[in-house]
Amino acid sequence: MAIEPIVEVRELSKVYLQGETNVVALNRVSVGIQAGEFVVLMGPSGSGKSTLLHLIAGIDRPTSGQVLVRGINVANLNESALAEWRNRNVGFVFQSFNLIPVLTAAENVELPLLLTSLSSRQRREHVAAALDLVGLTERAKHLPRQLSGGQEQRVAIARALVTDPLLVVADEPTGNLDSKSATDVLTILQSLSREANKTVIMVTHDPKAAAFGSRQLHLEKGEIVA
């Protein structure tokens, strides 16, 4: 019996209006992603890879088509339901770490949990587990300025994981990192997929980073070409 994909994209299109011109960012893209896959989206600038990532993560809405995550059509949710769905189901990792400078690593990781009904003790336990997963237990009380770039991005990954999301989406997560730090971050994402069965979707232009994924999708001019 075939396993249903955790993410199913059907005939997905996104058109932006620039002045009086329609710009097609995605053109009727269809793809399925299984639980535990580490899917890498590649392609030249303007190919639609970040647009596809944002539509799957519920950051943006499609012009037409469907994004089904565990059978829920994300595009049909209203703004408040979509915000709640994102907080429960999606962990975000971006090129910029987006850490709050006056909060410690642990406090930054705890932020998404403040929107939940967990007690302070439960939040501390979740934060400790997430920091342990990225190897930063001993840096819990450090401020971002006391961390290296690679450590900051690992804090950002811990923050993305602390709610135990269904999907981890990463947009150029190694873009600001040196080679060793990039490898550390990609190894964590790879182990999340292989060992924790997390579904990871990453945008990158770097073939070395893409090699950490289990599958690559190449986009050109808004369409999947390979």
N, C-alpha and C. Protein backbone atom coordinates (compact mmCIF):
# COMPACT_ATOMS: atom_id res chain seq x y z
N MET A 1 0.85 -1.19 0.00
CA MET A 1 0.00 0.00 0.00
C MET A 1 0.89 1.25 0.00
N ALA A 2 0.60 2.17 -0.90
CA ALA A 2 1.41 3.39 -1.02
C ALA A 2 1.23 4.27 0.21
N ILE A 3 2.32 4.86 0.67
CA ILE A 3 2.26 5.75 1.82
C ILE A 3 1.88 7.15 1.33
N GLU A 4 0.89 7.74 1.98
CA GLU A 4 0.48 9.10 1.61
C GLU A 4 1.59 10.08 1.93
N PRO A 5 1.91 11.01 1.03
CA PRO A 5 2.93 12.02 1.35
C PRO A 5 2.46 12.93 2.48
N ILE A 6 3.41 13.39 3.28
CA ILE A 6 3.06 14.31 4.37
C ILE A 6 2.75 15.70 3.82
N VAL A 7 3.44 16.06 2.71
CA VAL A 7 3.17 17.31 2.00
C VAL A 7 2.81 16.96 0.56
N GLU A 8 1.68 17.48 0.10
CA GLU A 8 1.29 17.27 -1.29
C GLU A 8 0.95 18.62 -1.92
N VAL A 9 1.74 18.98 -2.93
CA VAL A 9 1.55 20.22 -3.66
C VAL A 9 0.88 19.87 -4.98
N ARG A 10 -0.27 20.51 -5.25
CA ARG A 10 -1.04 20.18 -6.46
C ARG A 10 -1.25 21.42 -7.32
N GLU A 11 -0.70 21.39 -8.53
CA GLU A 11 -0.94 22.43 -9.53
C GLU A 11 -0.78 23.84 -8.93
N LEU A 12 0.30 24.03 -8.20
CA LEU A 12 0.49 25.26 -7.43
C LEU A 12 1.07 26.38 -8.30
N SER A 13 0.40 27.51 -8.31
CA SER A 13 0.88 28.68 -9.05
C SER A 13 0.90 29.91 -8.17
N LYS A 14 1.87 30.78 -8.41
CA LYS A 14 1.93 32.07 -7.72
C LYS A 14 2.31 33.14 -8.74
N VAL A 15 1.45 34.13 -8.85
CA VAL A 15 1.67 35.24 -9.78
C VAL A 15 1.70 36.54 -8.99
N TYR A 16 2.75 37.32 -9.18
CA TYR A 16 2.88 38.63 -8.54
C TYR A 16 2.61 39.72 -9.57
N LEU A 17 2.03 40.81 -9.11
CA LEU A 17 1.82 41.98 -9.98
C LEU A 17 2.93 42.99 -9.72
N GLN A 18 3.72 43.27 -10.73
CA GLN A 18 4.76 44.30 -10.65
C GLN A 18 4.39 45.41 -11.62
N GLY A 19 3.91 46.53 -11.05
CA GLY A 19 3.38 47.58 -11.91
C GLY A 19 2.14 47.05 -12.61
N GLU A 20 2.18 47.00 -13.94
CA GLU A 20 1.06 46.44 -14.70
C GLU A 20 1.41 45.10 -15.32
N THR A 21 2.51 44.51 -14.84
CA THR A 21 2.99 43.25 -15.41
C THR A 21 2.78 42.10 -14.43
N ASN A 22 2.27 40.99 -14.94
CA ASN A 22 2.16 39.76 -14.14
C ASN A 22 3.48 39.00 -14.20
N VAL A 23 4.05 38.71 -13.02
CA VAL A 23 5.28 37.94 -12.94
C VAL A 23 4.93 36.56 -12.37
N VAL A 24 5.18 35.51 -13.15
CA VAL A 24 4.87 34.15 -12.72
C VAL A 24 6.04 33.60 -11.92
N ALA A 25 5.86 33.46 -10.60
CA ALA A 25 6.91 32.93 -9.73
C ALA A 25 6.88 31.41 -9.70
N LEU A 26 5.67 30.83 -9.73
CA LEU A 26 5.50 29.38 -9.79
C LEU A 26 4.41 29.07 -10.81
N ASN A 27 4.64 28.01 -11.60
CA ASN A 27 3.70 27.69 -12.66
C ASN A 27 3.25 26.23 -12.56
N ARG A 28 2.12 26.00 -11.90
CA ARG A 28 1.45 24.70 -11.83
C ARG A 28 2.40 23.59 -11.39
N VAL A 29 3.03 23.82 -10.26
CA VAL A 29 3.98 22.85 -9.69
C VAL A 29 3.22 21.80 -8.89
N SER A 30 3.58 20.54 -9.09
CA SER A 30 3.03 19.44 -8.30
C SER A 30 4.17 18.58 -7.79
N VAL A 31 4.14 18.25 -6.50
CA VAL A 31 5.18 17.39 -5.91
C VAL A 31 4.67 16.82 -4.59
N GLY A 32 5.12 15.63 -4.26
CA GLY A 32 4.82 15.02 -2.96
C GLY A 32 6.08 14.84 -2.15
N ILE A 33 5.98 15.05 -0.85
CA ILE A 33 7.14 14.90 0.05
C ILE A 33 6.74 13.96 1.18
N GLN A 34 7.55 12.93 1.39
CA GLN A 34 7.24 11.94 2.42
C GLN A 34 7.79 12.36 3.79
N ALA A 35 7.20 11.83 4.84
CA ALA A 35 7.70 12.06 6.20
C ALA A 35 9.14 11.58 6.30
N GLY A 36 10.00 12.40 6.90
CA GLY A 36 11.40 12.03 7.10
C GLY A 36 12.31 12.35 5.94
N GLU A 37 11.77 12.88 4.85
CA GLU A 37 12.62 13.28 3.73
C GLU A 37 13.35 14.58 4.05
N PHE A 38 14.53 14.74 3.50
CA PHE A 38 15.29 15.99 3.54
C PHE A 38 15.35 16.47 2.09
N VAL A 39 14.38 17.30 1.72
CA VAL A 39 14.25 17.75 0.33
C VAL A 39 14.95 19.10 0.16
N VAL A 40 15.78 19.17 -0.87
CA VAL A 40 16.52 20.40 -1.17
C VAL A 40 15.95 21.02 -2.43
N LEU A 41 15.60 22.30 -2.35
CA LEU A 41 15.11 23.05 -3.50
C LEU A 41 16.26 23.88 -4.06
N MET A 42 16.58 23.65 -5.31
CA MET A 42 17.70 24.35 -5.95
C MET A 42 17.22 25.04 -7.23
N GLY A 43 18.03 25.99 -7.69
CA GLY A 43 17.72 26.68 -8.93
C GLY A 43 18.31 28.07 -8.91
N PRO A 44 18.38 28.71 -10.07
CA PRO A 44 18.93 30.06 -10.13
C PRO A 44 18.04 31.07 -9.40
N SER A 45 18.58 32.25 -9.17
CA SER A 45 17.80 33.32 -8.54
C SER A 45 16.55 33.59 -9.37
N GLY A 46 15.41 33.69 -8.69
CA GLY A 46 14.16 33.95 -9.40
C GLY A 46 13.50 32.71 -9.97
N SER A 47 14.00 31.52 -9.61
CA SER A 47 13.44 30.28 -10.18
C SER A 47 12.16 29.84 -9.48
N GLY A 48 11.89 30.40 -8.29
CA GLY A 48 10.67 30.05 -7.57
C GLY A 48 10.89 29.16 -6.36
N LYS A 49 12.17 28.87 -6.04
CA LYS A 49 12.42 27.92 -4.95
C LYS A 49 11.99 28.47 -3.59
N SER A 50 12.30 29.75 -3.30
CA SER A 50 11.87 30.33 -2.02
C SER A 50 10.36 30.52 -1.99
N THR A 51 9.77 30.86 -3.14
CA THR A 51 8.31 30.99 -3.21
C THR A 51 7.64 29.67 -2.85
N LEU A 52 8.14 28.57 -3.41
CA LEU A 52 7.57 27.26 -3.11
C LEU A 52 7.72 26.94 -1.62
N LEU A 53 8.88 27.21 -1.06
CA LEU A 53 9.11 26.97 0.37
C LEU A 53 8.12 27.77 1.21
N HIS A 54 7.94 29.05 0.88
CA HIS A 54 7.06 29.92 1.66
C HIS A 54 5.58 29.48 1.55
N LEU A 55 5.19 28.98 0.39
CA LEU A 55 3.81 28.51 0.23
C LEU A 55 3.56 27.24 1.04
N ILE A 56 4.54 26.33 1.04
CA ILE A 56 4.40 25.10 1.83
C ILE A 56 4.33 25.42 3.32
N ALA A 57 5.12 26.42 3.74
CA ALA A 57 5.18 26.78 5.16
C ALA A 57 4.05 27.70 5.61
N GLY A 58 3.20 28.11 4.68
CA GLY A 58 2.08 28.99 5.04
C GLY A 58 2.49 30.42 5.31
N ILE A 59 3.67 30.85 4.81
CA ILE A 59 4.09 32.24 4.95
C ILE A 59 3.41 33.10 3.89
N ASP A 60 3.12 32.48 2.75
CA ASP A 60 2.49 33.19 1.63
C ASP A 60 1.33 32.34 1.13
N ARG A 61 0.48 32.93 0.31
CA ARG A 61 -0.68 32.20 -0.23
C ARG A 61 -0.56 32.07 -1.74
N PRO A 62 -0.99 30.92 -2.29
CA PRO A 62 -0.88 30.73 -3.74
C PRO A 62 -1.95 31.50 -4.50
N THR A 63 -1.68 31.74 -5.78
CA THR A 63 -2.69 32.31 -6.67
C THR A 63 -3.72 31.24 -7.03
N SER A 64 -3.23 30.01 -7.24
CA SER A 64 -4.11 28.87 -7.50
C SER A 64 -3.39 27.59 -7.09
N GLY A 65 -4.16 26.52 -6.99
CA GLY A 65 -3.58 25.23 -6.59
C GLY A 65 -3.73 24.98 -5.10
N GLN A 66 -3.19 23.86 -4.66
CA GLN A 66 -3.36 23.42 -3.27
C GLN A 66 -2.02 23.05 -2.64
N VAL A 67 -1.93 23.34 -1.33
CA VAL A 67 -0.83 22.83 -0.51
C VAL A 67 -1.47 22.03 0.62
N LEU A 68 -1.33 20.71 0.55
CA LEU A 68 -1.92 19.84 1.56
C LEU A 68 -0.82 19.34 2.48
N VAL A 69 -0.96 19.60 3.77
CA VAL A 69 -0.03 19.10 4.77
C VAL A 69 -0.83 18.21 5.71
N ARG A 70 -0.53 16.91 5.67
CA ARG A 70 -1.34 15.90 6.38
C ARG A 70 -2.82 16.09 6.08
N GLY A 71 -3.12 16.36 4.81
CA GLY A 71 -4.50 16.44 4.36
C GLY A 71 -5.17 17.79 4.57
N ILE A 72 -4.50 18.70 5.29
CA ILE A 72 -5.08 20.04 5.51
C ILE A 72 -4.63 20.96 4.39
N ASN A 73 -5.60 21.59 3.71
CA ASN A 73 -5.27 22.56 2.66
C ASN A 73 -4.92 23.88 3.33
N VAL A 74 -3.62 24.11 3.46
CA VAL A 74 -3.12 25.27 4.20
C VAL A 74 -3.62 26.58 3.58
N ALA A 75 -3.75 26.61 2.27
CA ALA A 75 -4.16 27.84 1.56
C ALA A 75 -5.58 28.27 1.91
N ASN A 76 -6.39 27.33 2.43
CA ASN A 76 -7.79 27.65 2.75
C ASN A 76 -7.99 28.21 4.16
N LEU A 77 -6.94 28.19 4.99
CA LEU A 77 -7.09 28.65 6.37
C LEU A 77 -7.15 30.18 6.42
N ASN A 78 -7.98 30.71 7.33
CA ASN A 78 -7.99 32.17 7.50
C ASN A 78 -6.72 32.59 8.26
N GLU A 79 -6.51 33.91 8.40
CA GLU A 79 -5.23 34.40 8.93
C GLU A 79 -4.94 33.88 10.34
N SER A 80 -5.94 33.90 11.22
CA SER A 80 -5.68 33.46 12.60
C SER A 80 -5.45 31.96 12.66
N ALA A 81 -6.23 31.18 11.89
CA ALA A 81 -6.05 29.73 11.86
C ALA A 81 -4.70 29.38 11.24
N LEU A 82 -4.29 30.14 10.22
CA LEU A 82 -3.00 29.90 9.56
C LEU A 82 -1.85 30.18 10.52
N ALA A 83 -1.95 31.27 11.30
CA ALA A 83 -0.90 31.60 12.27
C ALA A 83 -0.78 30.50 13.32
N GLU A 84 -1.92 29.99 13.78
CA GLU A 84 -1.90 28.91 14.78
C GLU A 84 -1.32 27.63 14.16
N TRP A 85 -1.70 27.34 12.91
CA TRP A 85 -1.19 26.15 12.22
C TRP A 85 0.33 26.23 12.07
N ARG A 86 0.84 27.41 11.66
CA ARG A 86 2.29 27.58 11.51
C ARG A 86 3.01 27.34 12.82
N ASN A 87 2.48 27.91 13.92
CA ASN A 87 3.15 27.80 15.21
C ASN A 87 3.21 26.35 15.69
N ARG A 88 2.18 25.57 15.35
CA ARG A 88 2.14 24.17 15.79
C ARG A 88 2.96 23.25 14.89
N ASN A 89 3.03 23.57 13.60
CA ASN A 89 3.49 22.59 12.63
C ASN A 89 4.79 22.91 11.90
N VAL A 90 5.25 24.16 11.96
CA VAL A 90 6.41 24.55 11.14
C VAL A 90 7.49 25.19 12.01
N GLY A 91 8.72 24.69 11.85
CA GLY A 91 9.88 25.33 12.46
C GLY A 91 10.69 26.02 11.37
N PHE A 92 11.03 27.29 11.58
CA PHE A 92 11.68 28.10 10.55
C PHE A 92 13.15 28.34 10.88
N VAL A 93 14.01 28.16 9.86
CA VAL A 93 15.43 28.51 9.97
C VAL A 93 15.77 29.35 8.74
N PHE A 94 16.26 30.58 8.98
CA PHE A 94 16.56 31.48 7.87
C PHE A 94 18.06 31.77 7.79
N GLN A 95 18.46 32.46 6.73
CA GLN A 95 19.86 32.83 6.55
C GLN A 95 20.32 33.74 7.68
N SER A 96 19.48 34.74 8.02
CA SER A 96 19.78 35.58 9.18
C SER A 96 19.20 34.89 10.41
N PHE A 97 19.93 34.91 11.50
CA PHE A 97 19.58 34.07 12.65
C PHE A 97 18.34 34.57 13.39
N ASN A 98 18.08 35.89 13.28
CA ASN A 98 16.87 36.48 13.89
C ASN A 98 16.77 36.22 15.40
N LEU A 99 17.92 36.23 16.07
CA LEU A 99 17.91 36.10 17.53
C LEU A 99 17.74 37.47 18.16
N ILE A 100 17.09 37.53 19.32
CA ILE A 100 16.91 38.80 20.03
C ILE A 100 18.14 39.03 20.89
N PRO A 101 18.88 40.14 20.64
CA PRO A 101 20.20 40.32 21.25
C PRO A 101 20.22 40.36 22.77
N VAL A 102 19.11 40.82 23.40
CA VAL A 102 19.11 40.98 24.86
C VAL A 102 18.64 39.72 25.58
N LEU A 103 18.31 38.67 24.83
CA LEU A 103 17.87 37.41 25.44
C LEU A 103 18.99 36.37 25.31
N THR A 104 19.09 35.51 26.32
CA THR A 104 20.07 34.42 26.26
C THR A 104 19.65 33.40 25.20
N ALA A 105 20.55 32.47 24.93
CA ALA A 105 20.24 31.40 23.98
C ALA A 105 18.97 30.66 24.41
N ALA A 106 18.90 30.31 25.69
CA ALA A 106 17.73 29.58 26.20
C ALA A 106 16.45 30.41 26.06
N GLU A 107 16.54 31.69 26.34
CA GLU A 107 15.35 32.56 26.24
C GLU A 107 14.90 32.72 24.78
N ASN A 108 15.86 32.78 23.86
CA ASN A 108 15.51 32.84 22.44
C ASN A 108 14.80 31.57 22.00
N VAL A 109 15.32 30.42 22.46
CA VAL A 109 14.71 29.15 22.09
C VAL A 109 13.30 29.02 22.66
N GLU A 110 13.09 29.60 23.84
CA GLU A 110 11.80 29.48 24.54
C GLU A 110 10.68 30.29 23.87
N LEU A 111 11.03 31.28 23.06
CA LEU A 111 10.03 32.22 22.54
C LEU A 111 8.79 31.55 21.92
N PRO A 112 8.93 30.56 21.02
CA PRO A 112 7.71 29.97 20.44
C PRO A 112 6.82 29.28 21.47
N LEU A 113 7.41 28.85 22.58
CA LEU A 113 6.64 28.14 23.61
C LEU A 113 5.77 29.08 24.43
N LEU A 114 6.07 30.38 24.38
CA LEU A 114 5.27 31.34 25.14
C LEU A 114 3.85 31.45 24.58
N LEU A 115 3.66 30.96 23.34
CA LEU A 115 2.33 30.97 22.72
C LEU A 115 1.56 29.69 23.01
N THR A 116 2.15 28.79 23.81
CA THR A 116 1.49 27.52 24.13
C THR A 116 0.98 27.55 25.57
N SER A 117 0.32 26.47 25.96
CA SER A 117 -0.23 26.37 27.32
C SER A 117 0.72 25.64 28.26
N LEU A 118 1.97 25.43 27.85
CA LEU A 118 2.93 24.72 28.70
C LEU A 118 3.27 25.53 29.94
N SER A 119 3.53 24.83 31.04
CA SER A 119 3.97 25.50 32.27
C SER A 119 5.42 25.94 32.11
N SER A 120 5.91 26.79 33.01
CA SER A 120 7.29 27.26 32.91
C SER A 120 8.27 26.09 33.05
N ARG A 121 7.94 25.13 33.90
CA ARG A 121 8.81 23.95 34.07
C ARG A 121 8.85 23.14 32.77
N GLN A 122 7.69 22.93 32.16
CA GLN A 122 7.64 22.19 30.89
C GLN A 122 8.42 22.93 29.80
N ARG A 123 8.29 24.26 29.79
CA ARG A 123 9.03 25.04 28.78
C ARG A 123 10.53 24.88 28.98
N ARG A 124 10.99 24.93 30.24
CA ARG A 124 12.42 24.74 30.52
C ARG A 124 12.90 23.37 30.04
N GLU A 125 12.09 22.34 30.24
CA GLU A 125 12.47 20.99 29.82
C GLU A 125 12.58 20.90 28.29
N HIS A 126 11.62 21.51 27.60
CA HIS A 126 11.65 21.51 26.14
C HIS A 126 12.87 22.27 25.62
N VAL A 127 13.17 23.42 26.23
CA VAL A 127 14.32 24.23 25.81
C VAL A 127 15.62 23.44 26.02
N ALA A 128 15.74 22.81 27.18
CA ALA A 128 16.95 22.04 27.47
C ALA A 128 17.14 20.91 26.46
N ALA A 129 16.05 20.24 26.09
CA ALA A 129 16.13 19.13 25.13
C ALA A 129 16.54 19.65 23.75
N ALA A 130 16.00 20.81 23.35
CA ALA A 130 16.32 21.37 22.03
C ALA A 130 17.76 21.83 21.96
N LEU A 131 18.25 22.47 23.02
CA LEU A 131 19.65 22.91 23.04
C LEU A 131 20.60 21.72 23.06
N ASP A 132 20.21 20.66 23.77
CA ASP A 132 21.03 19.45 23.80
C ASP A 132 21.13 18.83 22.41
N LEU A 133 20.03 18.86 21.67
CA LEU A 133 19.98 18.29 20.33
C LEU A 133 20.97 18.97 19.38
N VAL A 134 21.19 20.27 19.58
CA VAL A 134 22.12 21.00 18.70
C VAL A 134 23.49 21.20 19.35
N GLY A 135 23.70 20.54 20.49
CA GLY A 135 25.01 20.56 21.14
C GLY A 135 25.39 21.86 21.81
N LEU A 136 24.39 22.58 22.35
CA LEU A 136 24.67 23.89 22.95
C LEU A 136 24.22 24.00 24.39
N THR A 137 24.13 22.88 25.09
CA THR A 137 23.68 22.92 26.49
C THR A 137 24.51 23.89 27.33
N GLU A 138 25.82 23.89 27.11
CA GLU A 138 26.70 24.73 27.94
C GLU A 138 26.65 26.21 27.55
N ARG A 139 25.96 26.53 26.47
CA ARG A 139 25.85 27.93 26.03
C ARG A 139 24.47 28.52 26.33
N ALA A 140 23.67 27.82 27.11
CA ALA A 140 22.27 28.22 27.34
C ALA A 140 22.13 29.64 27.86
N LYS A 141 23.09 30.08 28.71
CA LYS A 141 22.96 31.40 29.34
C LYS A 141 23.75 32.48 28.60
N HIS A 142 24.32 32.14 27.46
CA HIS A 142 25.08 33.13 26.68
C HIS A 142 24.15 33.98 25.83
N LEU A 143 24.50 35.25 25.67
CA LEU A 143 23.80 36.15 24.75
C LEU A 143 24.31 35.90 23.34
N PRO A 144 23.51 36.25 22.32
CA PRO A 144 23.95 36.05 20.93
C PRO A 144 25.33 36.61 20.63
N ARG A 145 25.66 37.79 21.18
CA ARG A 145 26.97 38.40 20.88
C ARG A 145 28.13 37.59 21.46
N GLN A 146 27.83 36.67 22.38
CA GLN A 146 28.87 35.83 22.97
C GLN A 146 29.02 34.49 22.22
N LEU A 147 28.28 34.34 21.12
CA LEU A 147 28.30 33.11 20.35
C LEU A 147 28.90 33.36 18.97
N SER A 148 29.45 32.30 18.36
CA SER A 148 29.90 32.39 16.97
C SER A 148 28.68 32.34 16.05
N GLY A 149 28.90 32.66 14.77
CA GLY A 149 27.80 32.60 13.81
C GLY A 149 27.19 31.21 13.72
N GLY A 150 28.05 30.20 13.71
CA GLY A 150 27.54 28.83 13.66
C GLY A 150 26.72 28.47 14.88
N GLN A 151 27.17 28.94 16.05
CA GLN A 151 26.41 28.68 17.28
C GLN A 151 25.07 29.42 17.26
N GLU A 152 25.07 30.64 16.75
CA GLU A 152 23.81 31.39 16.64
C GLU A 152 22.81 30.64 15.75
N GLN A 153 23.30 30.09 14.63
CA GLN A 153 22.38 29.37 13.74
C GLN A 153 21.89 28.08 14.40
N ARG A 154 22.73 27.45 15.23
CA ARG A 154 22.28 26.26 15.96
C ARG A 154 21.23 26.62 17.01
N VAL A 155 21.36 27.80 17.63
CA VAL A 155 20.30 28.29 18.52
C VAL A 155 19.00 28.47 17.72
N ALA A 156 19.13 29.03 16.52
CA ALA A 156 17.94 29.23 15.67
C ALA A 156 17.30 27.89 15.31
N ILE A 157 18.12 26.86 15.08
CA ILE A 157 17.56 25.53 14.80
C ILE A 157 16.86 24.98 16.05
N ALA A 158 17.48 25.16 17.22
CA ALA A 158 16.84 24.71 18.46
C ALA A 158 15.49 25.40 18.66
N ARG A 159 15.45 26.69 18.35
CA ARG A 159 14.18 27.44 18.45
C ARG A 159 13.15 26.87 17.48
N ALA A 160 13.61 26.48 16.28
CA ALA A 160 12.69 25.91 15.29
C ALA A 160 12.15 24.55 15.73
N LEU A 161 12.94 23.83 16.54
CA LEU A 161 12.58 22.46 16.93
C LEU A 161 11.81 22.38 18.24
N VAL A 162 11.82 23.44 19.02
CA VAL A 162 11.36 23.35 20.41
C VAL A 162 9.88 23.02 20.52
N THR A 163 9.10 23.34 19.48
CA THR A 163 7.67 23.02 19.51
C THR A 163 7.38 21.64 18.91
N ASP A 164 8.44 20.88 18.55
CA ASP A 164 8.31 19.56 17.92
C ASP A 164 7.45 19.65 16.66
N PRO A 165 7.88 20.48 15.69
CA PRO A 165 7.05 20.72 14.51
C PRO A 165 7.03 19.53 13.55
N LEU A 166 6.00 19.52 12.71
CA LEU A 166 5.87 18.52 11.66
C LEU A 166 6.92 18.75 10.57
N LEU A 167 7.12 20.01 10.21
CA LEU A 167 8.04 20.38 9.13
C LEU A 167 9.12 21.32 9.67
N VAL A 168 10.34 21.16 9.18
CA VAL A 168 11.40 22.14 9.41
C VAL A 168 11.75 22.72 8.04
N VAL A 169 11.56 24.04 7.89
CA VAL A 169 11.87 24.69 6.61
C VAL A 169 13.06 25.62 6.81
N ALA A 170 14.01 25.54 5.89
CA ALA A 170 15.26 26.29 6.02
C ALA A 170 15.55 27.01 4.71
N ASP A 171 15.67 28.33 4.77
CA ASP A 171 15.92 29.14 3.58
C ASP A 171 17.36 29.65 3.61
N GLU A 172 18.24 29.04 2.80
CA GLU A 172 19.67 29.39 2.76
C GLU A 172 20.28 29.43 4.17
N PRO A 173 20.11 28.36 4.96
CA PRO A 173 20.53 28.41 6.38
C PRO A 173 22.03 28.55 6.59
N THR A 174 22.82 28.24 5.55
CA THR A 174 24.28 28.32 5.70
C THR A 174 24.87 29.51 4.96
N GLY A 175 24.01 30.39 4.46
CA GLY A 175 24.48 31.51 3.62
C GLY A 175 25.44 32.45 4.31
N ASN A 176 25.34 32.59 5.64
CA ASN A 176 26.21 33.52 6.38
C ASN A 176 27.30 32.82 7.18
N LEU A 177 27.53 31.53 6.89
CA LEU A 177 28.43 30.75 7.74
C LEU A 177 29.70 30.33 7.00
N ASP A 178 30.77 30.14 7.79
CA ASP A 178 32.00 29.57 7.22
C ASP A 178 31.78 28.08 6.97
N SER A 179 32.74 27.47 6.28
CA SER A 179 32.57 26.09 5.81
C SER A 179 32.33 25.10 6.96
N LYS A 180 33.11 25.21 8.05
CA LYS A 180 32.94 24.26 9.16
C LYS A 180 31.59 24.44 9.85
N SER A 181 31.22 25.71 10.10
CA SER A 181 29.93 25.96 10.75
C SER A 181 28.78 25.49 9.87
N ALA A 182 28.92 25.69 8.56
CA ALA A 182 27.89 25.24 7.62
C ALA A 182 27.73 23.73 7.70
N THR A 183 28.85 23.02 7.73
CA THR A 183 28.80 21.56 7.83
C THR A 183 28.13 21.11 9.12
N ASP A 184 28.43 21.78 10.23
CA ASP A 184 27.80 21.46 11.51
C ASP A 184 26.28 21.61 11.42
N VAL A 185 25.83 22.71 10.85
CA VAL A 185 24.40 22.99 10.74
C VAL A 185 23.71 21.98 9.82
N LEU A 186 24.33 21.68 8.69
CA LEU A 186 23.74 20.73 7.74
C LEU A 186 23.71 19.32 8.30
N THR A 187 24.71 18.97 9.10
CA THR A 187 24.74 17.65 9.74
C THR A 187 23.58 17.52 10.73
N ILE A 188 23.28 18.60 11.45
CA ILE A 188 22.14 18.59 12.37
C ILE A 188 20.84 18.38 11.59
N LEU A 189 20.65 19.13 10.50
CA LEU A 189 19.43 18.99 9.70
C LEU A 189 19.31 17.58 9.12
N GLN A 190 20.44 17.04 8.69
CA GLN A 190 20.44 15.69 8.13
C GLN A 190 20.07 14.65 9.20
N SER A 191 20.61 14.82 10.41
CA SER A 191 20.30 13.86 11.47
C SER A 191 18.84 13.97 11.92
N LEU A 192 18.27 15.17 11.85
CA LEU A 192 16.85 15.34 12.17
C LEU A 192 15.99 14.49 11.23
N SER A 193 16.37 14.50 9.95
CA SER A 193 15.65 13.73 8.96
C SER A 193 15.86 12.22 9.17
N ARG A 194 17.12 11.83 9.32
CA ARG A 194 17.45 10.39 9.36
C ARG A 194 17.08 9.73 10.68
N GLU A 195 17.31 10.45 11.80
CA GLU A 195 17.17 9.83 13.11
C GLU A 195 15.89 10.22 13.84
N ALA A 196 15.41 11.44 13.61
CA ALA A 196 14.19 11.88 14.28
C ALA A 196 12.97 11.85 13.35
N ASN A 197 13.19 11.41 12.08
CA ASN A 197 12.11 11.31 11.09
C ASN A 197 11.40 12.64 10.86
N LYS A 198 12.14 13.75 11.03
CA LYS A 198 11.58 15.07 10.72
C LYS A 198 11.62 15.30 9.21
N THR A 199 10.61 15.96 8.70
CA THR A 199 10.58 16.34 7.29
C THR A 199 11.24 17.70 7.17
N VAL A 200 12.35 17.74 6.45
CA VAL A 200 13.13 18.97 6.31
C VAL A 200 13.08 19.42 4.85
N ILE A 201 12.75 20.70 4.62
CA ILE A 201 12.75 21.27 3.27
C ILE A 201 13.67 22.48 3.29
N MET A 202 14.69 22.45 2.44
CA MET A 202 15.72 23.50 2.47
C MET A 202 15.93 24.10 1.08
N VAL A 203 16.02 25.42 1.05
CA VAL A 203 16.44 26.13 -0.16
C VAL A 203 17.93 26.43 -0.06
N THR A 204 18.67 26.13 -1.12
CA THR A 204 20.08 26.50 -1.17
C THR A 204 20.51 26.65 -2.62
N HIS A 205 21.57 27.43 -2.84
CA HIS A 205 22.18 27.50 -4.16
C HIS A 205 23.52 26.77 -4.16
N ASP A 206 23.89 26.19 -3.01
CA ASP A 206 25.21 25.59 -2.83
C ASP A 206 25.14 24.07 -3.03
N PRO A 207 25.78 23.54 -4.08
CA PRO A 207 25.75 22.09 -4.32
C PRO A 207 26.30 21.27 -3.15
N LYS A 208 27.31 21.81 -2.42
CA LYS A 208 27.85 21.08 -1.27
C LYS A 208 26.80 20.95 -0.18
N ALA A 209 26.03 22.02 0.05
CA ALA A 209 24.95 21.95 1.03
C ALA A 209 23.85 21.00 0.56
N ALA A 210 23.54 21.05 -0.72
CA ALA A 210 22.47 20.22 -1.27
C ALA A 210 22.77 18.74 -1.12
N ALA A 211 24.07 18.38 -1.11
CA ALA A 211 24.47 16.98 -1.02
C ALA A 211 24.04 16.34 0.30
N PHE A 212 23.72 17.14 1.32
CA PHE A 212 23.28 16.60 2.60
C PHE A 212 21.83 16.11 2.53
N GLY A 213 21.08 16.54 1.54
CA GLY A 213 19.67 16.16 1.43
C GLY A 213 19.49 14.76 0.91
N SER A 214 18.27 14.23 1.04
CA SER A 214 17.96 12.91 0.51
C SER A 214 17.38 13.00 -0.89
N ARG A 215 16.90 14.19 -1.28
CA ARG A 215 16.35 14.39 -2.63
C ARG A 215 16.50 15.84 -3.02
N GLN A 216 16.83 16.08 -4.29
CA GLN A 216 16.95 17.44 -4.79
C GLN A 216 15.88 17.70 -5.84
N LEU A 217 15.25 18.86 -5.73
CA LEU A 217 14.31 19.33 -6.76
C LEU A 217 14.89 20.60 -7.37
N HIS A 218 15.05 20.60 -8.68
CA HIS A 218 15.62 21.77 -9.37
C HIS A 218 14.48 22.55 -10.03
N LEU A 219 14.45 23.84 -9.76
CA LEU A 219 13.44 24.71 -10.37
C LEU A 219 14.09 25.68 -11.35
N GLU A 220 13.37 25.93 -12.42
CA GLU A 220 13.75 26.97 -13.38
C GLU A 220 12.47 27.63 -13.88
N LYS A 221 12.46 28.96 -13.83
CA LYS A 221 11.31 29.73 -14.33
C LYS A 221 9.98 29.24 -13.78
N GLY A 222 10.00 28.92 -12.47
CA GLY A 222 8.76 28.56 -11.80
C GLY A 222 8.29 27.14 -11.99
N GLU A 223 9.13 26.30 -12.59
CA GLU A 223 8.73 24.91 -12.83
C GLU A 223 9.82 23.96 -12.34
N ILE A 224 9.41 22.77 -11.87
CA ILE A 224 10.39 21.74 -11.48
C ILE A 224 10.89 21.06 -12.75
N VAL A 225 12.21 21.09 -12.94
CA VAL A 225 12.79 20.52 -14.15
C VAL A 225 13.53 19.22 -13.89
N ALA A 226 13.82 18.90 -12.64
CA ALA A 226 14.52 17.64 -12.31
C ALA A 226 14.30 17.31 -10.86
